[in-house]
Amino acid sequence: MKRLMSLVAVMAVLGALAGCQNLGVQPWERDLLAKPVMTPGAADGLDDALDDHIYFSKEATSGGRGFGGGGCGCN
């Protein structure tokens, strides 16, 4: 039982160290991250409209920005 616990502890430490292995963006990966679709709010206006609708329908003090219902989101 003691051997099993030590094996589990060693595996947990190795798993934690493996998570810290990749900390940066490599130069050849930067072109993928620099695409215009990766910038927030630049995809299209529909995403922004949906985000506004969700935010303001859940914000109880604002009244939902022209949508029916209150802050419960059950328009």
Protein backbone atom coordinates (compact mmCIF):
# COMPACT_ATOMS: atom_id res chain seq x y z
CA MET A 1 0.00 0.00 0.00
CA LYS A 2 2.86 2.34 0.82
CA ARG A 3 4.47 1.60 -2.53
CA LEU A 4 1.22 2.40 -4.33
CA MET A 5 0.90 5.74 -2.55
CA SER A 6 4.47 6.69 -3.40
CA LEU A 7 3.88 5.71 -7.03
CA VAL A 8 0.77 7.89 -7.14
CA ALA A 9 2.70 10.79 -5.59
CA VAL A 10 5.52 10.45 -8.12
CA MET A 11 3.03 10.32 -11.00
CA ALA A 12 1.27 13.44 -9.68
CA VAL A 13 4.56 15.36 -9.49
CA LEU A 14 5.54 14.25 -12.99
CA GLY A 15 2.13 15.26 -14.31
CA ALA A 16 2.43 18.69 -12.70
CA LEU A 17 5.88 19.20 -14.17
CA ALA A 18 4.71 18.12 -17.62
CA GLY A 19 2.04 20.84 -17.52
CA CYS A 20 4.76 23.51 -17.24
CA GLN A 21 6.72 22.21 -20.17
CA ASN A 22 5.39 24.56 -22.89
CA LEU A 23 5.32 28.15 -21.66
CA GLY A 24 5.72 30.24 -24.78
CA VAL A 25 4.65 30.70 -28.36
CA GLN A 26 7.17 29.51 -30.88
CA PRO A 27 8.04 31.87 -33.76
CA TRP A 28 6.38 29.60 -36.34
CA GLU A 29 3.14 29.61 -34.32
CA ARG A 30 2.77 33.38 -34.28
CA ASP A 31 1.29 33.57 -37.76
CA LEU A 32 -1.67 31.45 -36.64
CA LEU A 33 -2.27 33.61 -33.58
CA ALA A 34 -2.02 36.84 -35.59
CA LYS A 35 -4.96 36.06 -37.87
CA PRO A 36 -7.68 38.72 -37.85
CA VAL A 37 -10.29 36.23 -36.66
CA MET A 38 -8.31 35.77 -33.43
CA THR A 39 -8.77 39.38 -32.32
CA PRO A 40 -11.69 39.87 -29.94
CA GLY A 41 -14.73 41.42 -31.57
CA ALA A 42 -13.34 41.26 -35.10
CA ALA A 43 -15.08 38.05 -36.21
CA ASP A 44 -18.42 39.62 -37.11
CA GLY A 45 -21.10 41.84 -35.69
CA LEU A 46 -23.34 38.89 -34.82
CA ASP A 47 -21.01 37.73 -32.04
CA ASP A 48 -20.99 41.20 -30.53
CA ALA A 49 -24.77 41.46 -30.74
CA LEU A 50 -25.23 38.09 -29.05
CA ASP A 51 -22.75 38.98 -26.32
CA ASP A 52 -24.58 42.27 -25.70
CA HIS A 53 -27.92 40.49 -25.57
CA ILE A 54 -26.66 37.91 -23.07
CA TYR A 55 -24.95 40.50 -20.89
CA PHE A 56 -27.81 42.97 -20.77
CA SER A 57 -30.53 40.35 -20.33
CA LYS A 58 -28.71 39.04 -17.26
CA GLU A 59 -27.90 42.47 -15.86
CA ALA A 60 -30.89 43.13 -13.61
CA THR A 61 -30.31 46.85 -13.16
CA SER A 62 -30.20 47.76 -16.84
CA GLY A 63 -33.49 46.17 -17.89
CA GLY A 64 -32.17 44.28 -20.87
CA ARG A 65 -31.49 47.05 -23.44
CA GLY A 66 -34.77 47.00 -25.31
CA PHE A 67 -35.59 43.33 -24.83
CA GLY A 68 -38.59 42.12 -22.88
CA GLY A 69 -38.11 40.54 -19.48
CA GLY A 70 -36.09 41.46 -16.48
CA GLY A 71 -32.75 40.33 -15.20
CA CYS A 72 -33.61 36.64 -15.18
CA GLY A 73 -32.75 36.12 -18.86
CA CYS A 74 -36.09 34.43 -19.64
CA ASN A 75 -37.16 36.79 -22.40
